[in-house]
Protein backbone atom coordinates (compact mmCIF):
# COMPACT_ATOMS: atom_id res chain seq x y z
CA TRP A 1 56.70 -14.17 -203.55
CA ASN A 2 60.18 -12.94 -201.70
CA PHE A 3 58.91 -12.63 -197.71
CA ALA A 4 60.10 -10.61 -194.96
CA VAL A 5 59.99 -12.86 -191.68
CA GLY A 6 58.06 -12.33 -188.31
CA ASN A 7 56.69 -13.93 -185.34
CA LYS A 8 52.95 -14.03 -184.59
CA ILE A 9 50.86 -16.41 -185.77
CA CYS A 10 47.25 -15.81 -187.24
CA GLN A 11 44.75 -16.13 -189.43
CA ILE A 12 45.25 -13.06 -192.10
CA ASP A 13 41.77 -11.34 -193.01
CA HIS A 14 42.74 -8.29 -194.92
CA VAL A 15 45.35 -5.84 -195.10
CA ASN A 16 45.38 -1.88 -195.41
CA VAL A 17 47.64 0.62 -196.78
CA THR A 18 48.59 3.62 -194.79
CA ILE A 19 50.39 6.29 -197.43
CA ASN A 20 52.77 9.46 -195.86
CA THR A 21 53.55 12.74 -197.57
CA HIS A 22 55.62 15.43 -197.00
CA LEU A 23 52.36 17.40 -196.86
CA ASN A 24 49.75 14.63 -195.16
CA PHE A 25 49.42 11.18 -193.28
CA ARG A 26 46.27 9.30 -194.18
CA GLU A 27 45.38 5.45 -193.47
CA ASN A 28 43.51 2.48 -194.57
CA VAL A 29 43.83 4.43 -198.59
CA THR A 30 43.28 2.71 -201.89
CA THR A 31 44.25 5.84 -204.18
CA ASP A 32 47.35 7.90 -204.41
CA PHE A 33 48.00 11.19 -206.84
CA PHE A 34 51.31 12.34 -208.35
CA THR A 35 51.50 15.47 -209.65
CA CYS A 36 54.90 15.94 -209.26
CA ALA A 37 58.36 13.41 -210.91
CA GLY A 38 61.66 13.74 -211.94
CA ARG A 39 62.73 15.80 -209.34
CA ASP A 40 64.11 16.34 -206.01
CA ASN A 41 61.77 19.03 -204.66
CA CYS A 42 58.42 18.01 -205.35
CA ALA A 43 56.89 19.62 -201.91
CA ASP A 44 54.78 16.04 -201.14
CA ASP A 45 58.40 14.41 -201.05
CA ILE A 46 59.10 12.14 -197.66
CA ASN A 47 62.27 13.18 -197.79
CA GLN A 48 64.81 14.77 -200.30
CA ASN A 49 66.00 11.72 -202.81
CA SER A 50 66.00 12.22 -206.41
CA GLY A 51 62.25 11.68 -207.61
CA ASN A 52 58.86 12.19 -206.05
CA GLN A 53 58.34 9.90 -203.07
CA HIS A 54 55.68 8.60 -200.97
CA GLU A 55 56.27 5.97 -198.29
CA TYR A 56 53.52 3.26 -198.46
CA THR A 57 52.91 0.98 -195.22
CA ALA A 58 51.63 -2.52 -194.86
CA GLN A 59 49.49 -3.61 -192.04
CA ALA A 60 47.84 -7.45 -192.13
CA TYR A 61 44.50 -7.55 -189.47
CA ASP A 62 43.16 -10.21 -188.53
CA ALA A 63 39.07 -10.74 -188.94
CA ASN A 64 38.97 -8.72 -185.18
CA ASN A 65 40.82 -5.76 -186.71
CA GLN A 66 44.03 -7.62 -184.31
CA GLU A 67 47.19 -6.72 -186.11
CA LEU A 68 49.14 -9.58 -187.39
CA SER A 69 52.82 -10.29 -188.02
CA ALA A 70 53.17 -11.09 -191.74
CA GLY A 71 55.41 -10.81 -194.89
CA TYR A 72 54.75 -8.49 -197.65
CA ALA A 73 55.26 -8.89 -201.06
CA TRP A 74 54.77 -5.58 -203.50
CA GLN A 75 53.99 -5.66 -207.11
CA GLU A 76 53.39 -3.09 -209.97
CA SER A 77 50.71 -3.63 -212.85
CA ASP A 78 52.31 -0.90 -214.36
CA ASP A 79 52.79 -1.50 -218.64
CA LYS A 80 54.33 2.08 -218.65
CA ASN A 81 56.76 2.25 -216.20
CA LEU A 82 54.99 4.73 -214.58
CA ILE A 83 56.25 3.94 -210.65
CA GLU A 84 59.20 2.51 -209.16
CA ILE A 85 58.63 0.06 -205.70
CA SER A 86 61.47 -0.34 -203.35
CA PRO A 87 62.07 -2.43 -201.47
CA LEU A 88 59.62 -4.63 -202.60
CA ASN A 89 59.47 -7.45 -199.26
CA ALA A 90 58.78 -4.97 -196.36
CA SER A 91 56.09 -3.75 -194.76
CA GLN A 92 57.28 -0.24 -195.90
CA THR A 93 58.25 0.45 -198.86
CA LEU A 94 58.99 3.84 -201.36
CA VAL A 95 56.74 4.54 -204.37
CA THR A 96 58.18 6.42 -206.81
CA ALA A 97 56.44 7.73 -209.90
CA ASN A 98 58.61 8.08 -213.28
CA PRO A 99 57.75 11.69 -215.00
CA PHE A 100 54.79 9.99 -217.09
CA ASP A 101 50.98 11.04 -216.79
CA GLY A 102 48.82 7.08 -216.60
CA GLU A 103 47.59 5.22 -214.13
CA SER A 104 49.25 2.14 -212.51
CA ILE A 105 48.27 -0.36 -209.48
CA ALA A 106 50.78 -1.13 -206.59
CA ARG A 107 49.57 -4.04 -204.85
CA VAL A 108 50.57 -5.68 -201.54
CA THR A 109 50.40 -9.58 -200.31
CA ALA A 110 50.58 -10.27 -196.85
CA GLY A 111 50.75 -13.60 -196.14
CA ASP A 112 52.28 -16.85 -194.33
CA LEU A 113 55.42 -15.65 -191.57
CA ASP A 114 56.84 -19.85 -192.23
CA PHE A 115 55.86 -22.00 -194.72
CA THR A 116 58.43 -24.78 -192.97
CA ASP A 117 55.61 -25.45 -191.05
CA ASP A 118 52.49 -26.79 -191.27
CA PHE A 119 50.25 -24.25 -189.95
CA ARG A 120 49.15 -21.75 -192.91
CA GLN A 121 48.78 -18.34 -191.91
CA GLY A 122 46.25 -17.31 -195.15
CA THR A 123 47.02 -14.47 -197.21
CA SER A 124 45.05 -11.23 -198.39
CA THR A 125 45.88 -8.86 -201.04
CA THR A 126 45.15 -5.52 -201.18
CA ALA A 127 45.92 -2.72 -204.11
CA VAL A 128 46.31 1.18 -203.95
CA ASN A 129 45.26 2.75 -207.42
CA ILE A 130 48.18 5.76 -208.45
CA THR A 131 47.72 8.19 -210.74
CA ASN A 132 49.94 9.97 -212.12
CA ALA A 133 48.85 14.02 -213.24
CA LEU A 134 51.89 16.24 -213.38
CA CYS A 135 51.18 19.53 -212.92
CA GLN A 136 52.62 22.38 -211.73
CA ASN A 137 49.50 24.37 -210.71
CA PRO A 138 46.55 21.70 -210.34
CA TRP A 139 43.57 22.44 -208.49
CA PRO A 140 42.42 22.15 -205.30
CA SER A 141 45.72 22.75 -204.20
CA LEU A 142 48.02 19.80 -202.99
CA GLU A 143 46.86 20.31 -199.70
CA SER A 144 43.05 19.06 -200.57
CA TYR A 145 43.73 17.44 -203.34
CA PRO A 146 41.73 15.84 -205.28
CA TYR A 147 38.50 17.51 -204.64
CA THR A 148 36.33 14.96 -202.64
CA ASP A 149 32.87 14.83 -201.93
CA SER A 150 32.20 13.96 -198.79
CA ALA A 151 28.71 14.28 -196.80
CA GLY A 152 28.18 17.32 -194.93
CA ASN A 153 30.29 19.46 -197.00
CA CYS A 154 27.21 21.57 -198.23
CA ASN A 155 27.81 25.30 -197.67
CA LEU A 156 24.39 26.67 -199.21
CA GLY A 157 21.22 24.71 -198.58
CA GLY A 158 21.63 21.39 -197.41
CA SER A 159 23.81 22.68 -194.16
CA CYS A 160 20.41 24.86 -192.91
CA THR A 161 22.41 27.90 -192.86
CA ASP A 162 20.67 29.92 -195.33
CA SER A 163 16.43 29.53 -195.65
CA ALA A 164 14.25 26.23 -194.88
CA SER A 165 13.71 27.44 -198.98
CA ASN A 166 16.39 25.54 -199.59
CA CYS A 167 16.97 22.94 -196.18
CA ASN A 168 13.69 20.64 -196.34
CA LEU A 169 14.98 17.66 -195.07
CA SER A 170 16.89 18.41 -191.92
CA GLY A 171 19.69 19.26 -193.54
CA SER A 172 20.48 16.48 -195.52
CA CYS A 173 24.35 16.62 -197.58
CA LEU A 174 25.07 13.17 -198.83
CA ASP A 175 28.02 11.70 -199.61
CA PHE A 176 28.37 10.94 -203.64
CA THR A 177 32.33 9.83 -202.94
CA PHE A 178 33.01 11.26 -205.81
CA PHE A 179 36.40 12.79 -207.12
CA THR A 180 37.98 15.34 -209.38
CA TYR A 181 40.67 17.99 -210.19
CA TYR A 182 41.92 19.88 -213.37
CA CYS A 183 45.48 21.07 -214.15
CA ARG A 184 45.74 24.93 -214.12
CA ASP A 185 49.37 24.82 -215.82
CA TYR A 186 49.09 27.02 -219.26
CA GLY A 187 51.62 29.52 -220.77
CA ASP A 188 54.79 30.36 -219.66
CA GLU A 189 56.25 27.55 -217.52
CA ALA A 190 58.00 30.09 -214.87
CA ILE A 191 55.16 31.80 -213.85
CA THR A 192 51.50 31.32 -212.39
CA ALA A 193 50.05 34.58 -213.80
CA ASP A 194 48.83 33.26 -216.75
CA ASP A 195 47.29 29.70 -215.83
CA LEU A 196 44.31 28.29 -216.34
CA PRO A 197 41.66 30.18 -213.45
CA ALA A 198 41.18 28.38 -210.47
CA ILE A 199 37.45 28.06 -209.43
CA ASP A 200 35.01 27.85 -206.50
CA TYR A 201 32.35 26.52 -205.20
CA THR A 202 28.67 26.81 -203.64
CA ILE A 203 27.12 22.85 -202.55
CA LYS A 204 23.50 23.09 -201.91
CA GLY A 205 22.26 19.59 -200.03
CA VAL A 206 18.83 17.55 -200.94
CA ALA A 207 15.19 19.64 -202.42
CA ALA A 208 12.51 19.11 -202.74
CA GLY A 209 11.03 17.52 -206.12
CA TYR A 210 7.67 16.32 -207.88
CA CYS A 211 6.31 13.04 -208.66
CA VAL A 212 6.38 11.62 -212.38
CA GLY A 213 3.43 9.36 -213.53
CA GLY A 214 0.75 7.87 -211.06
CA ALA A 215 -1.99 8.97 -209.13
CA LYS A 216 0.82 11.43 -207.57
CA ASN A 217 2.01 12.94 -210.82
CA GLY A 218 3.16 16.54 -209.79
CA GLN A 219 2.79 17.07 -206.53
CA SER A 220 5.66 17.67 -204.19
CA CYS A 221 8.00 14.31 -203.45
CA PRO A 222 9.79 13.47 -200.95
CA ASP A 223 7.46 13.94 -198.15
CA THR A 224 9.68 12.10 -195.88
CA THR A 225 13.01 13.14 -194.30
CA ASP A 226 14.35 9.41 -195.74
CA ILE A 227 14.96 10.12 -199.18
CA ASN A 228 15.61 6.43 -199.73
CA VAL A 229 11.56 6.13 -199.59
CA ASN A 230 9.77 6.29 -202.46
CA SER A 231 7.04 8.86 -201.20
CA CYS A 232 5.56 9.05 -204.61
CA GLY A 233 3.48 5.75 -204.20
CA SER A 234 2.91 2.86 -206.57
CA GLY A 235 4.17 3.49 -210.57
CA SER A 236 5.16 6.80 -209.90
CA TYR A 237 8.92 7.78 -208.49
CA CYS A 238 10.49 11.66 -207.04
CA TYR A 239 12.46 13.33 -209.12
CA ASN A 240 14.67 15.69 -207.39
CA VAL A 241 17.93 16.99 -206.60
CA LEU A 242 19.99 15.15 -203.85
CA LYS A 243 23.18 17.45 -204.33
CA ASP A 244 23.54 20.56 -206.31
CA PHE A 245 27.38 22.05 -207.13
CA LEU A 246 28.05 25.44 -208.70
CA PHE A 247 31.82 26.07 -209.21
CA THR A 248 32.28 29.84 -210.84
CA PHE A 249 35.47 31.71 -211.19
CA PRO A 250 35.35 34.28 -208.44
CA GLU A 251 37.45 37.58 -208.92
CA LYS A 252 39.77 37.47 -205.30
CA PHE A 253 41.89 35.14 -203.95
CA CYS A 254 43.74 34.62 -200.85
CA GLU A 255 47.34 34.94 -201.81
CA GLY A 256 49.55 32.38 -203.04
CA THR A 257 46.50 29.50 -202.64
CA ASN A 258 43.27 28.92 -204.98
CA ASN A 259 40.76 29.82 -201.95
CA ALA A 260 38.62 32.26 -202.97
CA CYS A 261 37.52 35.37 -200.68
CA LYS A 262 35.85 38.76 -200.38
CA PHE A 263 38.22 40.10 -197.81
CA ASP A 264 41.52 39.82 -195.63
CA THR A 265 39.64 38.21 -192.86
CA ASP A 266 38.72 35.09 -195.26
CA CYS A 267 42.29 33.86 -195.16
CA SER A 268 44.50 32.44 -192.58
CA LEU A 269 46.10 35.22 -190.57
CA GLY A 270 48.72 37.13 -192.33
CA ILE A 271 47.55 36.55 -195.83
CA LYS A 272 45.57 38.79 -197.86
CA CYS A 273 42.97 38.75 -200.11
CA LEU A 274 44.20 39.64 -203.89
CA ALA A 275 42.62 40.12 -206.93
CA ALA A 276 42.62 37.48 -209.60
CA ASN A 277 44.97 38.01 -212.28
CA ASN A 278 43.58 35.74 -214.61
CA VAL A 279 39.57 36.77 -214.34
CA HIS A 280 39.17 38.46 -218.33
CA TRP A 281 40.04 36.26 -221.07
CA CYS A 282 39.54 36.02 -224.65
CA GLY A 283 36.34 34.30 -225.49
CA GLY A 284 37.63 31.86 -228.29
CA ALA A 285 40.98 31.11 -227.02
CA ASN A 286 42.78 30.23 -223.51
CA LYS A 287 44.58 33.67 -223.74
CA ILE A 288 44.27 36.05 -220.79
CA CYS A 289 43.37 39.81 -222.05
CA THR A 290 43.56 43.76 -220.60
CA THR A 291 41.47 44.65 -224.10
CA ASP A 292 39.89 43.41 -227.49
CA ASP A 293 43.41 43.93 -229.03
CA ASP A 294 45.18 41.54 -226.71
CA CYS A 295 43.12 38.64 -228.72
CA LEU A 296 42.98 37.56 -232.23
CA GLY A 297 40.77 39.13 -235.10
CA ASP A 298 37.34 39.92 -233.82
CA ASP A 299 37.34 37.75 -230.59
CA GLN A 300 37.08 39.69 -227.86
CA CYS A 301 38.70 39.80 -224.53
CA GLU A 302 36.24 39.46 -221.75
CA LYS A 303 35.41 38.77 -218.02
CA ASN A 304 34.34 34.96 -217.49
CA ILE A 305 30.78 35.22 -215.96
CA ASP A 306 30.65 31.40 -216.54
CA SER A 307 29.76 28.94 -214.72
CA ILE A 308 29.99 24.71 -214.19
CA GLY A 309 27.31 22.91 -212.56
CA VAL A 310 27.13 19.49 -211.13
CA ARG A 311 23.58 17.85 -209.91
CA VAL A 312 22.73 14.35 -208.64
CA TYR A 313 19.66 13.58 -209.19
CA ASN A 314 17.58 10.64 -207.55
CA ASN A 315 17.61 7.33 -209.48
CA ASN A 316 15.60 5.22 -207.30
CA GLU A 317 14.07 3.81 -210.61
CA HIS A 318 17.38 2.46 -211.57
CA LEU A 319 17.29 3.67 -214.70
CA SER A 320 20.43 4.00 -217.21
CA PRO A 321 20.91 7.30 -218.32
CA PRO A 322 19.56 7.47 -221.77
CA ALA A 323 16.16 5.84 -220.73
CA TRP A 324 16.22 8.03 -217.13
CA TYR A 325 17.23 11.18 -219.87
CA GLU A 326 14.08 10.29 -222.66
CA LYS A 327 11.97 10.38 -219.19
CA TYR A 328 12.79 13.12 -217.47
CA ALA A 329 14.81 15.52 -219.30
CA HIS A 330 12.57 18.67 -220.50
CA ASN A 331 12.51 18.63 -224.38
CA PRO A 332 15.10 15.71 -224.95
CA GLY A 333 17.27 15.59 -227.74
CA SER A 334 19.52 13.72 -229.11
CA TYR A 335 22.74 11.87 -227.57
CA SER A 336 25.50 9.73 -227.62
CA ARG A 337 26.73 6.74 -225.25
CA LYS A 338 29.69 6.93 -223.85
CA GLU A 339 31.17 5.41 -220.91
CA ILE A 340 33.08 7.69 -217.25
CA ASP A 341 34.93 5.86 -214.98
CA SER A 342 34.06 2.67 -216.22
CA TYR A 343 30.20 3.41 -215.78
CA GLU A 344 27.93 4.04 -218.39
CA ALA A 345 27.11 8.07 -219.33
CA ILE A 346 25.31 9.61 -222.54
CA VAL A 347 25.98 13.21 -223.83
CA SER A 348 23.49 15.73 -225.28
CA GLY A 349 24.73 19.16 -225.79
CA ARG A 350 26.33 20.84 -222.97
CA THR A 351 25.28 17.83 -220.56
CA ASN A 352 27.60 14.49 -219.56
CA TYR A 353 24.82 12.06 -217.89
CA VAL A 354 26.67 9.17 -215.70
CA GLY A 355 24.56 6.61 -214.15
CA PHE A 356 26.33 5.64 -211.33
CA ALA A 357 26.06 3.63 -207.73
CA THR A 358 27.25 4.38 -204.03
CA ASP A 359 28.22 1.17 -201.47
CA LYS A 360 29.10 2.47 -197.68
CA GLY A 361 27.74 -0.54 -196.75
CA SER A 362 24.14 -0.12 -195.86
CA GLY A 363 22.88 -0.63 -199.05
CA ILE A 364 23.75 -0.22 -203.06
CA TYR A 365 22.10 3.41 -204.30
CA THR A 366 21.40 4.22 -208.02
CA ASP A 367 21.76 7.81 -208.61
CA MET A 368 21.94 10.44 -211.77
CA PHE A 369 25.21 12.63 -211.96
CA LEU A 370 24.73 15.48 -214.09
CA ILE A 371 27.32 17.61 -215.07
CA SER A 372 27.46 20.99 -217.58
CA HIS A 373 28.24 24.11 -218.39
CA SER A 374 26.58 27.86 -219.23
CA ASP A 375 25.95 28.98 -222.56
CA ASN A 376 28.09 31.79 -224.44
CA TYR A 377 30.78 29.78 -222.34
CA GLN A 378 34.72 30.76 -223.17
CA ALA A 379 37.46 28.39 -224.05
CA VAL A 380 38.86 28.75 -220.70
CA THR A 381 35.61 27.15 -219.11
CA LEU A 382 35.59 24.35 -221.93
CA ASN A 383 39.13 23.75 -220.95
CA ILE A 384 38.41 23.17 -217.34
CA TYR A 385 35.09 21.44 -217.53
CA ASP A 386 36.98 18.78 -220.16
CA GLN A 387 39.76 17.83 -217.72
CA LEU A 388 37.06 17.74 -214.82
CA ILE A 389 34.96 15.27 -216.53
CA LYS A 390 38.26 13.01 -217.74
CA ASN A 391 39.35 13.21 -213.85
CA LEU A 392 36.10 12.26 -212.72
CA LYS A 393 36.10 9.15 -210.48
CA PHE A 394 33.38 7.42 -208.26
CA ASN A 395 33.56 5.18 -205.34
CA ALA A 396 36.32 6.96 -203.78
CA GLY A 397 37.61 5.44 -200.24
CA TYR A 398 34.58 2.88 -199.73
CA VAL A 399 34.71 0.29 -202.99
CA ASP A 400 38.25 -1.16 -203.70
CA ASN A 401 39.55 -2.31 -207.21
CA VAL A 402 42.71 -4.47 -206.58
CA ARG A 403 42.62 -6.29 -210.36
CA ALA A 404 43.65 -9.63 -209.14
CA CYS A 405 43.37 -13.11 -208.83
CA THR A 406 43.93 -15.36 -206.30
CA ASN A 407 47.14 -15.93 -207.21
CA GLY A 408 48.30 -12.64 -207.99
CA LYS A 409 47.34 -12.01 -212.00
CA TYR A 410 46.07 -9.03 -213.04
CA CYS A 411 42.60 -9.84 -213.90
CA THR A 412 39.12 -7.27 -214.42
CA LYS A 413 36.56 -10.14 -214.48
CA ASP A 414 36.32 -13.88 -212.67
CA SER A 415 37.08 -15.32 -216.18
CA ASP A 416 40.71 -13.83 -216.48
CA CYS A 417 41.63 -15.91 -213.00
CA PRO A 418 42.47 -19.82 -213.53
CA GLN A 419 39.58 -22.24 -212.37
CA GLY A 420 38.10 -22.00 -208.96
CA GLU A 421 39.54 -18.48 -208.49
CA THR A 422 37.88 -14.99 -208.62
CA CYS A 423 39.10 -11.24 -209.44
CA ASN A 424 39.32 -9.03 -206.83
CA ALA A 425 38.06 -5.98 -209.19
CA GLU A 426 34.91 -5.20 -207.37
CA LYS A 427 34.48 -1.27 -208.40
CA ASP A 428 34.79 -2.88 -211.71
CA LYS A 429 32.19 -5.43 -211.12
CA LEU A 430 30.16 -3.10 -209.47
CA ALA A 431 29.95 -0.40 -212.15
CA ARG A 432 29.24 -3.40 -214.62
CA ASP A 433 25.78 -4.34 -212.17
CA VAL A 434 25.00 -0.70 -212.56
CA ILE A 435 25.16 -0.78 -215.67
CA ARG A 436 23.54 -4.36 -216.07
CA PHE A 437 20.11 -2.45 -213.36
CA GLY A 438 20.04 0.23 -216.15
CA HIS A 439 19.72 -2.15 -218.96
CA LEU A 440 17.21 -4.47 -217.64
CA ASN A 441 15.26 -1.31 -216.55
CA GLU A 442 15.67 0.56 -219.90
CA MET A 443 14.17 -2.60 -221.47
CA LYS A 444 11.42 -3.26 -218.73
CA TYR A 445 10.62 1.02 -219.55
CA GLN A 446 10.40 -0.08 -223.58
CA LEU A 447 8.64 -2.84 -223.13
CA GLU A 448 6.13 -0.96 -221.16
CA LYS A 449 6.05 1.27 -224.09
CA TYR A 450 5.68 -1.73 -226.42
CA ARG A 451 2.21 -2.16 -224.80
CA GLY A 452 0.74 1.54 -224.29
CA SER A 453 1.81 4.68 -223.67
CA CYS A 454 -0.22 7.87 -222.40
CA THR A 455 -1.80 10.23 -224.97
CA GLY A 456 0.19 13.95 -223.89
CA HIS A 457 2.48 12.24 -221.91
CA PRO A 458 4.43 9.74 -224.61
CA GLU A 459 7.27 9.04 -222.30
CA LEU A 460 4.90 7.07 -219.85
CA ALA A 461 4.11 4.05 -220.33
CA CYS A 462 0.67 2.46 -219.75
CA GLN A 463 -2.16 -0.60 -220.33
CA LYS A 464 -4.82 1.16 -219.27
CA ASP A 465 -6.24 4.64 -218.73
CA SER A 466 -6.12 4.27 -215.38
CA ASP A 467 -2.42 4.00 -215.71
CA CYS A 468 -2.26 7.63 -216.90
CA PRO A 469 -2.38 11.09 -214.79
CA ASN A 470 -4.94 13.64 -215.25
CA ASP A 471 -4.32 17.01 -217.28
CA GLU A 472 -4.49 20.38 -215.58
CA GLN A 473 -8.13 20.43 -216.18
CA GLY A 474 -8.42 16.99 -213.92
CA THR A 475 -9.24 15.36 -216.90
CA PRO A 476 -8.00 11.69 -217.58
CA PHE A 477 -5.09 11.47 -220.38
CA VAL A 478 -6.10 8.10 -222.64
CA CYS A 479 -3.67 5.16 -222.73
CA LEU A 480 -2.67 4.44 -226.28
CA VAL A 481 -2.75 0.79 -226.17
CA LYS A 482 -0.29 -0.66 -229.06
CA ASN A 483 -0.06 -4.35 -227.98
CA ASN A 484 -2.25 -7.07 -226.17
CA THR A 485 0.80 -8.94 -225.33
CA TYR A 486 4.63 -8.37 -224.35
CA PRO A 487 6.83 -9.73 -227.67
CA LEU A 488 5.88 -13.34 -228.19
CA LEU A 489 9.23 -14.18 -230.03
CA SER A 490 6.78 -16.81 -231.87
CA ALA A 491 9.36 -17.27 -234.88
CA GLY A 492 13.24 -16.03 -235.74
CA THR A 493 15.06 -17.31 -232.03
CA TYR A 494 16.33 -20.53 -231.52
CA LEU A 495 13.81 -21.00 -228.59
CA GLN A 496 10.11 -19.69 -228.97
CA GLY A 497 9.32 -17.12 -226.49
CA SER A 498 13.40 -16.44 -225.46
CA SER A 499 16.61 -14.49 -226.51
CA VAL A 500 19.66 -13.62 -225.09
CA SER A 501 21.93 -11.13 -225.97
CA VAL A 502 24.48 -13.83 -227.20
CA TRP A 503 22.30 -14.63 -230.10
CA ASP A 504 21.95 -13.06 -233.30
CA SER A 505 17.66 -13.22 -232.68
CA TRP A 506 18.05 -10.46 -229.99
CA HIS A 507 18.84 -7.83 -232.58
CA ASP A 508 17.33 -9.28 -235.55
CA THR A 509 14.25 -10.08 -233.72
CA PHE A 510 13.14 -8.94 -229.97
CA ALA A 511 14.96 -5.25 -230.36
CA LYS A 512 13.38 -4.58 -233.50
CA LEU A 513 10.22 -5.92 -232.12
CA LEU A 514 10.89 -2.89 -229.77
CA GLY A 515 11.39 -0.21 -232.02
CA ALA A 516 15.00 0.35 -229.74
CA SER A 517 18.82 -0.61 -229.76
CA PRO A 518 20.07 -3.93 -228.67
CA LEU A 519 21.50 -3.46 -225.42
CA LEU A 520 24.16 -5.99 -224.35
CA ASP A 521 25.43 -7.53 -221.30
CA PRO A 522 28.67 -5.49 -220.13
CA ILE A 523 30.84 -8.89 -221.21
CA ASN A 524 27.97 -10.75 -222.89
CA GLU A 525 29.92 -13.77 -223.17
CA VAL A 526 29.23 -17.48 -223.48
CA PHE A 527 31.17 -20.36 -222.79
CA CYS A 528 30.63 -23.82 -223.61
CA ASP A 529 32.16 -27.27 -224.54
CA ASP A 530 34.49 -26.95 -227.60
CA SER A 531 32.11 -30.10 -229.11
CA THR A 532 31.30 -29.19 -232.89
CA ALA A 533 27.93 -30.09 -231.96
CA TYR A 534 27.32 -26.68 -230.25
CA ASN A 535 27.84 -23.27 -232.55
CA ASP A 536 29.54 -20.11 -231.53
CA GLU A 537 26.70 -19.12 -229.65
CA CYS A 538 26.87 -22.08 -227.94
CA TRP A 539 23.63 -23.87 -229.08
CA ASP A 540 23.15 -27.34 -230.16
CA LYS A 541 20.80 -27.22 -233.11
CA ASP A 542 20.46 -31.15 -233.00
CA GLN A 543 19.46 -30.94 -228.97
CA LYS A 544 17.62 -27.69 -229.20
CA LYS A 545 20.19 -26.86 -226.29
CA PHE A 546 22.09 -24.04 -224.93
CA GLN A 547 25.08 -23.95 -222.75
CA CYS A 548 26.18 -21.79 -220.98
CA ASP A 549 29.34 -22.51 -217.86
CA ALA A 550 30.66 -20.51 -215.64
CA GLY A 551 31.49 -16.87 -216.55
CA SER A 552 28.56 -16.50 -218.98
CA HIS A 553 27.17 -12.98 -218.80
CA PHE A 554 24.45 -12.27 -221.19
CA TYR A 555 20.66 -10.88 -220.55
CA HIS A 556 17.51 -13.58 -221.13
CA TYR A 557 14.03 -12.38 -222.23
CA GLU A 558 11.47 -15.10 -221.44
CA ALA A 559 7.78 -14.56 -222.96
CA ILE A 560 5.64 -15.95 -219.61
CA SER A 561 1.53 -16.65 -219.76
CA GLY A 562 1.09 -16.13 -223.47
CA GLY A 563 2.76 -12.85 -223.30
CA GLN A 564 0.63 -11.47 -220.66
CA LYS A 565 3.85 -11.55 -218.12
CA TYR A 566 7.79 -11.95 -218.94
CA LYS A 567 11.05 -12.48 -217.48
CA LEU A 568 14.13 -10.33 -217.78
CA SER A 569 17.81 -11.82 -216.10
CA THR A 570 20.88 -11.71 -216.11
CA ASN A 571 24.31 -12.89 -213.71
CA MET A 572 25.02 -9.92 -211.37
CA GLU A 573 28.85 -10.58 -210.47
CA TYR A 574 29.09 -7.74 -207.36
CA ALA A 575 26.33 -8.17 -205.60
CA GLN A 576 22.35 -9.99 -207.13
CA SER A 577 20.57 -8.62 -204.27
CA GLY A 578 21.22 -5.53 -202.04
CA TRP A 579 19.14 -3.08 -204.11
CA GLN A 580 18.02 0.25 -202.63
CA PRO A 581 15.59 1.55 -201.49
CA GLY A 582 13.24 -1.79 -200.92
CA ASN A 583 16.28 -4.78 -200.83
CA ILE A 584 15.98 -5.47 -204.12
CA THR A 585 17.08 -9.26 -205.94
CA ILE A 586 17.83 -9.01 -209.40
CA ASP A 587 16.30 -12.21 -211.36
CA SER A 588 19.31 -14.85 -212.31
CA VAL A 589 19.81 -17.06 -214.75
CA ASP A 590 17.88 -20.08 -214.26
CA LYS A 591 20.81 -22.19 -215.61
CA SER A 592 18.15 -25.51 -214.72
CA GLU A 593 15.55 -25.00 -216.28
CA PHE A 594 17.20 -22.40 -219.79
CA CYS A 595 20.52 -23.43 -219.86
CA SER A 596 23.40 -26.90 -219.27
CA ASN A 597 26.38 -26.12 -217.97
C-alpha cells in the first residue's frame, strides 16, 4: 500500500466513508449509485470536470469511535473498468463512473502511519458497493434515489392514520432494509414525454393474521404488540403480513417530478399538479397511445390501471421459499427456484417469493418477501416489474459486503483466502446462512411429513391425531401415519444412519426416501488431505473415516435412538446463534464424533 502520513497514533478499529455529491451528503455509507456518466454536466457531479464524480472521504476510528489520523489506500474491484479512483493514497478521493452498466466495489484500507517505528496501529478495510445504472429519467428521482424502505414510512394503516382495522399493533411500521429502482427511459432520447410512467405507492404496517397448525389453528394472531413472539403456541405459527406496499400508476404528477398529486397544493410552492401524458398505453407493447389506431393489429389503447404489490410476511418458522409456499399458499402450483440478491427465491405464476433476513443489531430475523403484479397486465407494467426485481437489494446500510481477505485479496468466502485469514463478506455469508436455515427447516418439514400428515390438511405434518386441527364442525382431523421412524439409512451410504450433502447417498438414498429434491449447502464443499486414502468425497474406505478440514460446508443428517429422533447440522458462516425469535442456535457439525480434521 502507499499510505499518506499523519501524526496521531492509536489502534484502528474501523473506517467509515462519507460520500458528497451535488445533490446530497451521506455519512457512513456502503452503497453508491451512478445514473449518469461520460459527461461534465451530470446532475450529481461534485464539480464540472469531465466525467461524473462523487467525492469519497474515509475516516479511521478507534473502538470508542474517536477519530484517528491514519494512512489510506484505495483500490477498486472492477473487472469491467466501471469506475476510476483518483488519488489512491489520500483520505479524500474522487470516484468517476465510466459509461457502462454494472456493479463494482471501491475499497479503502486505513493503516499504519509510520512503518519505521515499533508501534503497529493495525488496519481496517471497508467498502462501498457501487452500481452504474445509467439512466436519464430514473425512478425515483435522483434526490431520493433509489427507493429505500425505512421505519415509519407507512402512509396507510401502520401509521394509524386511517382506521383501527388497519392498525391493530400500535402502529408497527418496520424497516426491512431493501431498496430498488427502475429506469423510465424509453422512445425518443431527446424527450421524456414518451418514457415509462412513474409509479406511486401506499404502505400499510403490521396486520393481523391467523394461526396455522396446532390447537389454535385458524385463530387470530398476533395477539401481542411484540410481533416477534409466537402467540400461536407450540406447533403453530402466525401467518400475517408485516408490511404491504401497493404501487399504482397515478394520473397526475407535480410538474417536473415523479411525485404524484391530486391538487396544486400537494406540490411544492409554485409547482403545478399536471395530468400525466403517459396514462394510456397499447396493452401489448411499451407504446403510449390516444386511440386504438396508435397500436398494432388488434392491440388496444387502454388506461393503465395495473398495480404492483409487495408484501413482507412473517417467517418466524425460518422456512425456505419452497417450503413456505407449499405450506401457506392457497392452492400452491408449480414453481421454479432462482436467486435474488444472493438469497433463495422461487417464482410461481405472477409472484416471486424471496426468503431474506434483516440484522439491525438486535438479532437476525427471517421473513418472506413477495412481489407480484396484477392479472391482465399491460406490457409496460411487466417492464417496470421486471426492473424492480432485477434491481432489488436487501440489507441496505446494515450488513457490509467488503469482499476482501485480511490481505486485501478479493473473496466471497473464507476458503478463498490464505490459510488463517477470513473473508469480510458479511452480506454473502448472511444470505448463505439464511438459505442453510431455510433448507434445514424444509428438510425438517419433509422429515415430519415422512412420518405422517393430517387428513384434510396434507400440508400439515403429524405423528398422532392430536397434532392435527379440528374441522369446521369441531371434529378432529386424523393423522395418517406413514412411517414409524425417521429414515434409518441402514444401507446405501458410507456410514450407517448418516449421510452428508457431498456424498452420493444424499440424493441416491436420503432424498429418495423423503420423496423430495436433494437440498445442497450453498457452498457444498469438503476439504481433506491429498492422500490417496481419501476419495473425492473425503471418505477413507479402509479406515471408514470421513475427513472435513477447515472451510468445509455441507449438511449432515443422522438418525438417532433407532430412528425415533434425528439430527440435522451444518456449519454457518455469518452466525451460528442469535436467530430470532428465541435466540435460536443452529447445530454445528460435531467434528469430534463425525469427521476428523
